Amino acid sequence: MLAFIFFEVRVIVGRSMKVNVISVVLSAILTRNVCNGFSQNLSLHPSFSSVSFGRFERGAKLPPSASSSSLNAFASAALALENDNSTWRPGPEVTFGSSGLRLNVFGAVYGFIAISTGLLWWTGLTLCQIQRKLFPKIDADRRIPIILGHIWGSFLLKVMRCMPIVEGKENLEELYEPGTKKLKNSVMFVANHCSWMDIPYVAMVTGWWNCKMIAKAELLKVPILSKSLSESAHLLIDRSSRRSQIKTYKDAVGWLKKGVNLCTFAEGTRSTDGRLQEFKGGAFKMAEAVDAPIVPLSIHQAHIVNPKQYVFPCRSSRSVNGKIVIGKPVYPKGKTDDEVMKEVRNRMIENLPESQRPL
């Protein structure tokens, strides 16, 4: 499928020269190669020199009569190229003004689908808002908006091949009621933080459960997302206000007592290089207040899928083996704050790739 997005952008080159780019055509063929941002010809890649194609040589077209083994060899070489990060290029991209934020072809397609389908999400949230005002006792824990967000996020990630691999699901079994996949008690999920993609990645673990995110109040400035944060009753914290921090703590403990799960990023802010940073203690105190088990989540390669300088993801998760690993639960009862924090941190580190572990 060929998708065209036409718009006018202003590209800032250096400090003084401004170039108007009118009717820029960002085209994306939603196939394995282009969706991963490849702008070079497959035949130019050195991987092809080590693959046998019979009479098929580099730069030649695959004949119609090629055998199935040749086709398999071609697919294997293409997959090797896809996973070769050293040769990956973002492809054509634009830079927006003084902010320096970038957008490539993959990101443009991702953004178009996210925003267009996000309008449906926004409509659903508006209906939830109306229902809440007319019938406040229905869905008092705000689970319906959480479900709507999960449907939207799952669709977007699948379409754009950004669905993360989820490992370690067996570590949650001890938290389930016998014979079910229903949690016996509320749980605190704690993850590392290095990208915007961390939030949808975590949502693929929490799934249909009612789980409130603890996020910074600045996210209320983001269209559509702000609506979701408000209607889903996620916990928003103003990091510059002590009063806001105390309120967030009380609200979080209140949700845990009601049996609603929480998720937070213990580092408090995004890592600039993907490596795990030092933890803040607030998240652990919330769990300790009600003896809620803490589940460490180790997110892989999200900072490569959506680097800080890009508006939207610049490549698919599959191209870099993006995944999230569920660690074994940590039980805070009878342990000090430092002991709990250290145990969670160690379990998170052991499930991170070497490139994301702290130096």
Protein backbone atom coordinates (compact mmCIF):
# COMPACT_ATOMS: atom_id res chain seq x y z
CA MET A 1 0.00 0.00 0.00
CA LEU A 2 1.37 3.38 -0.99
CA ALA A 3 0.64 6.21 1.44
CA PHE A 4 1.21 9.87 0.55
CA ILE A 5 1.29 12.73 3.00
CA PHE A 6 1.41 16.22 1.53
CA PHE A 7 2.17 19.23 3.68
CA GLU A 8 4.32 22.34 3.87
CA VAL A 9 7.23 22.45 6.31
CA ARG A 10 9.92 24.95 7.04
CA VAL A 11 13.40 23.48 7.34
CA ILE A 12 16.00 25.41 9.30
CA VAL A 13 19.50 24.93 7.91
CA GLY A 14 22.26 26.18 10.18
CA ARG A 15 21.42 29.43 11.95
CA SER A 16 20.41 31.73 9.15
CA MET A 17 19.30 29.99 5.97
CA LYS A 18 15.63 29.07 5.84
CA VAL A 19 14.27 26.88 3.08
CA ASN A 20 10.58 26.55 2.31
CA VAL A 21 9.75 23.04 1.24
CA ILE A 22 6.34 23.11 -0.41
CA SER A 23 4.20 20.04 -0.91
CA VAL A 24 6.80 17.66 0.41
CA VAL A 25 5.82 14.15 -0.57
CA LEU A 26 6.57 11.61 2.13
CA SER A 27 5.80 8.25 0.60
CA ALA A 28 5.99 4.93 2.42
CA ILE A 29 5.50 1.48 1.01
CA LEU A 30 4.30 -0.45 4.05
CA THR A 31 6.54 -3.43 3.52
CA ARG A 32 9.30 -4.92 5.63
CA ASN A 33 12.11 -2.89 4.06
CA VAL A 34 10.63 0.59 3.79
CA CYS A 35 8.79 0.46 7.12
CA ASN A 36 12.17 0.03 8.75
CA GLY A 37 13.50 3.17 7.12
CA PHE A 38 15.67 1.61 4.45
CA SER A 39 16.65 4.06 1.75
CA GLN A 40 19.32 2.01 0.10
CA ASN A 41 19.10 -0.81 -2.44
CA LEU A 42 19.26 -4.30 -0.97
CA SER A 43 21.79 -5.31 -3.58
CA LEU A 44 24.31 -2.83 -2.19
CA HIS A 45 24.48 -4.56 1.18
CA PRO A 46 27.55 -6.73 1.81
CA SER A 47 25.42 -9.48 3.36
CA PHE A 48 24.46 -10.57 -0.13
CA SER A 49 28.03 -11.52 -0.98
CA SER A 50 27.95 -14.38 1.52
CA VAL A 51 24.61 -15.81 0.42
CA SER A 52 24.29 -18.33 -2.38
CA PHE A 53 21.52 -17.65 -4.89
CA GLY A 54 22.57 -20.17 -7.53
CA ARG A 55 22.82 -18.05 -10.68
CA PHE A 56 21.40 -14.96 -8.93
CA GLU A 57 24.12 -12.36 -8.46
CA ARG A 58 24.25 -9.00 -6.72
CA GLY A 59 22.39 -6.32 -8.67
CA ALA A 60 20.51 -8.89 -10.80
CA LYS A 61 16.79 -9.50 -10.69
CA LEU A 62 15.46 -12.72 -9.27
CA PRO A 63 14.23 -14.84 -12.20
CA PRO A 64 10.62 -16.08 -12.17
CA SER A 65 11.82 -19.67 -12.23
CA ALA A 66 13.88 -19.32 -9.05
CA SER A 67 13.61 -22.29 -6.74
CA SER A 68 12.07 -22.13 -3.26
CA SER A 69 15.54 -22.51 -1.75
CA SER A 70 16.68 -19.38 -3.59
CA LEU A 71 13.63 -17.51 -2.34
CA ASN A 72 14.35 -18.63 1.22
CA ALA A 73 17.95 -17.49 0.88
CA PHE A 74 16.77 -14.11 -0.40
CA ALA A 75 14.37 -13.73 2.56
CA SER A 76 17.10 -14.70 5.01
CA ALA A 77 19.44 -12.10 3.57
CA ALA A 78 16.72 -9.44 3.76
CA LEU A 79 16.08 -10.32 7.39
CA ALA A 80 19.80 -10.12 8.14
CA LEU A 81 19.88 -6.70 6.59
CA GLU A 82 16.88 -5.60 8.64
CA ASN A 83 18.60 -6.57 11.88
CA ASP A 84 21.94 -5.03 10.93
CA ASN A 85 21.82 -1.79 12.92
CA SER A 86 25.24 -0.65 11.73
CA THR A 87 23.90 -0.08 8.20
CA TRP A 88 20.52 1.36 9.17
CA ARG A 89 19.72 4.87 7.93
CA PRO A 90 16.65 6.95 8.88
CA GLY A 91 15.96 7.81 5.23
CA PRO A 92 14.56 11.20 4.13
CA GLU A 93 13.66 13.37 7.10
CA VAL A 94 12.82 16.94 8.04
CA THR A 95 13.85 19.00 11.06
CA PHE A 96 11.36 21.31 12.71
CA GLY A 97 12.60 24.80 13.59
CA SER A 98 14.75 25.57 16.59
CA SER A 99 13.44 22.56 18.51
CA GLY A 100 15.58 20.26 16.38
CA LEU A 101 12.90 17.56 16.43
CA ARG A 102 13.06 15.23 13.44
CA LEU A 103 10.55 13.29 11.40
CA ASN A 104 11.38 10.62 8.84
CA VAL A 105 9.16 8.64 6.48
CA PHE A 106 8.40 5.90 8.99
CA GLY A 107 7.56 8.49 11.64
CA ALA A 108 5.30 10.40 9.25
CA VAL A 109 3.27 7.27 8.51
CA TYR A 110 3.20 6.36 12.21
CA GLY A 111 2.06 9.85 13.14
CA PHE A 112 -0.63 9.95 10.46
CA ILE A 113 -2.13 6.65 11.62
CA ALA A 114 -1.76 7.56 15.32
CA ILE A 115 -3.53 10.90 14.93
CA SER A 116 -6.27 9.76 12.53
CA THR A 117 -7.21 6.76 14.69
CA GLY A 118 -6.58 8.83 17.80
CA LEU A 119 -9.58 10.96 16.87
CA LEU A 120 -11.76 7.88 17.34
CA TRP A 121 -10.05 7.30 20.68
CA TRP A 122 -10.75 10.90 21.64
CA THR A 123 -14.43 10.47 20.72
CA GLY A 124 -14.69 7.40 22.94
CA LEU A 125 -13.08 9.26 25.82
CA THR A 126 -15.53 12.14 25.36
CA LEU A 127 -18.42 9.70 25.65
CA CYS A 128 -16.83 8.37 28.85
CA GLN A 129 -16.66 11.92 30.16
CA ILE A 130 -20.36 12.45 29.47
CA GLN A 131 -21.25 9.13 31.09
CA ARG A 132 -19.20 10.01 34.17
CA LYS A 133 -21.09 13.27 34.65
CA LEU A 134 -24.51 11.71 34.14
CA PHE A 135 -23.89 8.41 35.94
CA PRO A 136 -20.88 8.88 38.26
CA LYS A 137 -21.33 5.53 40.02
CA ILE A 138 -20.82 3.57 36.79
CA ASP A 139 -17.18 2.65 36.22
CA ALA A 140 -16.04 4.54 39.32
CA ASP A 141 -12.52 3.13 38.93
CA ARG A 142 -12.30 4.48 35.35
CA ARG A 143 -11.50 1.16 33.70
CA ILE A 144 -13.36 1.77 30.42
CA PRO A 145 -11.00 4.61 29.33
CA ILE A 146 -8.06 2.28 30.09
CA ILE A 147 -9.57 -0.37 27.79
CA LEU A 148 -10.12 2.17 25.01
CA GLY A 149 -6.50 3.26 25.24
CA HIS A 150 -5.32 -0.36 25.11
CA ILE A 151 -7.38 -1.04 21.96
CA TRP A 152 -5.98 2.04 20.23
CA GLY A 153 -2.38 1.33 21.28
CA SER A 154 -2.51 -2.34 20.31
CA PHE A 155 -3.87 -1.50 16.86
CA LEU A 156 -1.24 1.16 16.23
CA LEU A 157 1.67 -1.02 17.35
CA LYS A 158 0.53 -3.98 15.28
CA VAL A 159 -0.06 -1.98 12.11
CA MET A 160 3.34 -0.27 12.37
CA ARG A 161 5.18 -3.45 13.40
CA CYS A 162 6.14 -1.87 16.72
CA MET A 163 4.55 -4.50 18.96
CA PRO A 164 7.21 -5.50 21.53
CA ILE A 165 8.06 -9.07 22.38
CA VAL A 166 6.90 -9.81 25.94
CA GLU A 167 8.98 -12.30 27.92
CA GLY A 168 8.73 -13.57 31.49
CA LYS A 169 4.94 -13.90 31.67
CA GLU A 170 5.42 -16.98 33.82
CA ASN A 171 6.73 -14.72 36.61
CA LEU A 172 3.22 -13.31 37.05
CA GLU A 173 1.60 -16.68 37.71
CA GLU A 174 2.28 -16.57 41.45
CA LEU A 175 0.25 -13.33 41.61
CA TYR A 176 -2.87 -14.86 40.01
CA GLU A 177 -5.86 -16.34 41.74
CA PRO A 178 -5.78 -20.16 41.37
CA GLY A 179 -6.91 -21.30 37.93
CA THR A 180 -7.28 -17.78 36.55
CA LYS A 181 -5.24 -14.90 35.19
CA LYS A 182 -6.84 -12.46 37.58
CA LEU A 183 -4.49 -10.75 40.03
CA LYS A 184 -5.12 -11.61 43.67
CA ASN A 185 -4.10 -8.16 44.88
CA SER A 186 -3.01 -4.84 43.43
CA VAL A 187 0.49 -4.72 41.93
CA MET A 188 3.09 -1.99 41.43
CA PHE A 189 4.86 -2.27 38.06
CA VAL A 190 8.23 -0.50 37.93
CA ALA A 191 10.05 -0.02 34.60
CA ASN A 192 13.15 1.67 33.22
CA HIS A 193 12.55 4.82 31.21
CA CYS A 194 14.38 5.86 28.06
CA SER A 195 11.76 6.70 25.42
CA TRP A 196 8.19 7.72 24.63
CA MET A 197 7.69 4.11 23.53
CA ASP A 198 8.06 2.91 27.12
CA ILE A 199 4.42 3.74 27.85
CA PRO A 200 2.84 1.63 25.07
CA TYR A 201 5.37 -1.12 25.76
CA VAL A 202 4.30 -1.29 29.41
CA ALA A 203 0.64 -1.23 28.34
CA MET A 204 1.25 -4.45 26.41
CA VAL A 205 2.11 -6.09 29.75
CA THR A 206 -0.67 -4.63 31.88
CA GLY A 207 -3.16 -5.33 29.10
CA TRP A 208 -6.81 -5.21 30.12
CA TRP A 209 -6.08 -4.76 33.81
CA ASN A 210 -6.97 -1.45 35.36
CA CYS A 211 -3.53 0.12 35.75
CA LYS A 212 -2.86 3.78 36.52
CA MET A 213 0.34 5.38 35.27
CA ILE A 214 2.29 7.86 37.38
CA ALA A 215 3.41 10.53 34.91
CA LYS A 216 4.62 14.11 34.80
CA ALA A 217 1.98 16.84 34.67
CA GLU A 218 3.57 18.34 31.52
CA LEU A 219 1.94 15.57 29.47
CA LEU A 220 -1.38 17.39 29.85
CA LYS A 221 -0.10 19.68 27.08
CA VAL A 222 -0.14 16.83 24.55
CA PRO A 223 -3.39 16.71 22.50
CA ILE A 224 -5.55 13.57 22.80
CA LEU A 225 -3.11 12.06 25.32
CA SER A 226 -4.16 14.71 27.85
CA LYS A 227 -7.76 13.59 27.44
CA SER A 228 -6.78 10.00 28.15
CA LEU A 229 -4.74 10.93 31.21
CA SER A 230 -7.63 12.87 32.69
CA GLU A 231 -10.45 10.44 31.88
CA SER A 232 -8.47 7.37 32.93
CA ALA A 233 -7.58 9.04 36.26
CA HIS A 234 -3.86 8.50 35.81
CA LEU A 235 -1.70 10.13 38.47
CA LEU A 236 0.00 13.31 37.32
CA ILE A 237 2.79 14.81 39.36
CA ASP A 238 4.30 18.28 39.26
CA ARG A 239 7.91 17.54 40.08
CA SER A 240 8.53 21.13 41.18
CA SER A 241 5.72 21.11 43.75
CA ARG A 242 6.01 19.38 47.09
CA ARG A 243 2.24 19.60 47.54
CA SER A 244 1.70 17.78 44.23
CA GLN A 245 4.13 15.05 45.27
CA ILE A 246 2.28 14.46 48.55
CA LYS A 247 -1.10 14.39 46.77
CA THR A 248 0.18 11.92 44.19
CA TYR A 249 1.49 9.67 46.96
CA LYS A 250 -1.87 9.68 48.79
CA ASP A 251 -3.84 9.07 45.60
CA ALA A 252 -1.53 6.23 44.59
CA VAL A 253 -1.87 4.48 47.93
CA GLY A 254 -5.63 4.95 47.68
CA TRP A 255 -5.75 3.20 44.30
CA LEU A 256 -3.62 0.31 45.57
CA LYS A 257 -5.97 -0.15 48.53
CA LYS A 258 -8.90 -0.37 46.09
CA GLY A 259 -7.16 -3.15 44.17
CA VAL A 260 -6.13 -0.98 41.23
CA ASN A 261 -2.62 -1.52 39.84
CA LEU A 262 0.00 1.21 39.40
CA CYS A 263 2.92 1.66 37.05
CA THR A 264 5.80 4.06 37.42
CA PHE A 265 9.28 4.73 36.09
CA ALA A 266 11.59 4.62 39.07
CA GLU A 267 14.27 6.82 37.48
CA GLY A 268 11.87 9.76 37.40
CA THR A 269 12.96 10.91 33.93
CA ARG A 270 14.13 9.51 30.61
CA SER A 271 17.65 8.22 30.22
CA THR A 272 19.54 10.06 27.47
CA ASP A 273 21.57 7.04 26.35
CA GLY A 274 19.28 4.16 27.26
CA ARG A 275 21.32 3.10 30.28
CA LEU A 276 19.57 2.60 33.61
CA GLN A 277 19.89 5.62 35.92
CA GLU A 278 19.62 5.97 39.68
CA PHE A 279 16.21 5.29 41.24
CA LYS A 280 13.93 7.62 43.13
CA GLY A 281 12.40 6.19 46.31
CA GLY A 282 8.80 7.40 46.02
CA ALA A 283 7.44 4.47 44.01
CA PHE A 284 8.68 1.92 46.50
CA LYS A 285 7.17 3.75 49.47
CA MET A 286 3.75 3.58 47.79
CA ALA A 287 3.98 -0.20 47.44
CA GLU A 288 5.39 -0.62 50.93
CA ALA A 289 2.43 1.29 52.41
CA VAL A 290 0.04 -1.54 51.42
CA ASP A 291 2.55 -4.42 51.04
CA ALA A 292 1.83 -4.59 47.31
CA PRO A 293 4.22 -6.80 45.31
CA ILE A 294 6.55 -4.91 42.95
CA VAL A 295 7.08 -6.31 39.44
CA PRO A 296 10.23 -5.03 37.67
CA LEU A 297 9.91 -4.49 33.91
CA SER A 298 13.02 -4.28 31.73
CA ILE A 299 12.41 -2.44 28.45
CA HIS A 300 14.79 -3.18 25.57
CA GLN A 301 15.74 -0.82 22.72
CA ALA A 302 12.82 1.63 23.03
CA HIS A 303 15.32 4.50 22.85
CA ILE A 304 16.45 3.22 19.44
CA VAL A 305 12.91 2.85 18.11
CA ASN A 306 11.96 6.36 19.23
CA PRO A 307 15.07 8.45 20.06
CA LYS A 308 14.57 11.62 22.06
CA GLN A 309 15.21 13.84 19.02
CA TYR A 310 12.40 12.27 16.95
CA VAL A 311 8.74 13.34 17.10
CA PHE A 312 7.50 9.81 16.39
CA PRO A 313 9.24 6.42 16.17
CA CYS A 314 11.78 6.37 13.35
CA ARG A 315 11.81 2.59 12.82
CA SER A 316 9.93 -0.58 13.78
CA SER A 317 10.51 -2.47 17.02
CA ARG A 318 11.08 -5.71 15.15
CA SER A 319 14.13 -4.28 13.41
CA VAL A 320 15.96 -3.94 16.74
CA ASN A 321 14.34 -6.80 18.68
CA GLY A 322 12.39 -4.41 20.89
CA LYS A 323 10.94 -6.20 23.88
CA ILE A 324 9.93 -5.97 27.52
CA VAL A 325 10.95 -8.59 30.10
CA ILE A 326 8.83 -9.23 33.17
CA GLY A 327 10.99 -9.91 36.22
CA LYS A 328 10.17 -11.93 39.33
CA PRO A 329 8.00 -10.04 41.85
CA VAL A 330 9.63 -8.41 44.87
CA TYR A 331 7.70 -8.47 48.13
CA PRO A 332 8.41 -5.45 50.36
CA LYS A 333 6.98 -6.83 53.59
CA GLY A 334 9.64 -7.00 56.31
CA LYS A 335 12.29 -5.22 54.23
CA THR A 336 13.78 -1.72 54.47
CA ASP A 337 13.37 0.89 51.73
CA ASP A 338 16.95 0.39 50.58
CA GLU A 339 16.61 -3.39 50.49
CA VAL A 340 13.46 -3.21 48.37
CA MET A 341 14.97 -0.68 45.98
CA LYS A 342 18.19 -2.66 45.60
CA GLU A 343 16.36 -5.94 44.93
CA VAL A 344 14.08 -4.39 42.30
CA ARG A 345 17.01 -2.65 40.63
CA ASN A 346 19.11 -5.81 40.49
CA ARG A 347 16.29 -7.83 38.95
CA MET A 348 15.69 -5.13 36.39
CA ILE A 349 19.39 -4.96 35.48
CA GLU A 350 19.75 -8.71 35.03
CA ASN A 351 17.02 -8.61 32.37
CA LEU A 352 18.46 -5.63 30.46
CA PRO A 353 20.89 -5.97 27.53
CA GLU A 354 24.50 -5.08 28.25
CA SER A 355 24.18 -1.81 26.33
CA GLN A 356 21.48 -0.58 28.74
CA ARG A 357 22.99 -1.63 32.03
CA PRO A 358 24.50 1.12 34.21
CA LEU A 359 28.23 1.67 33.81
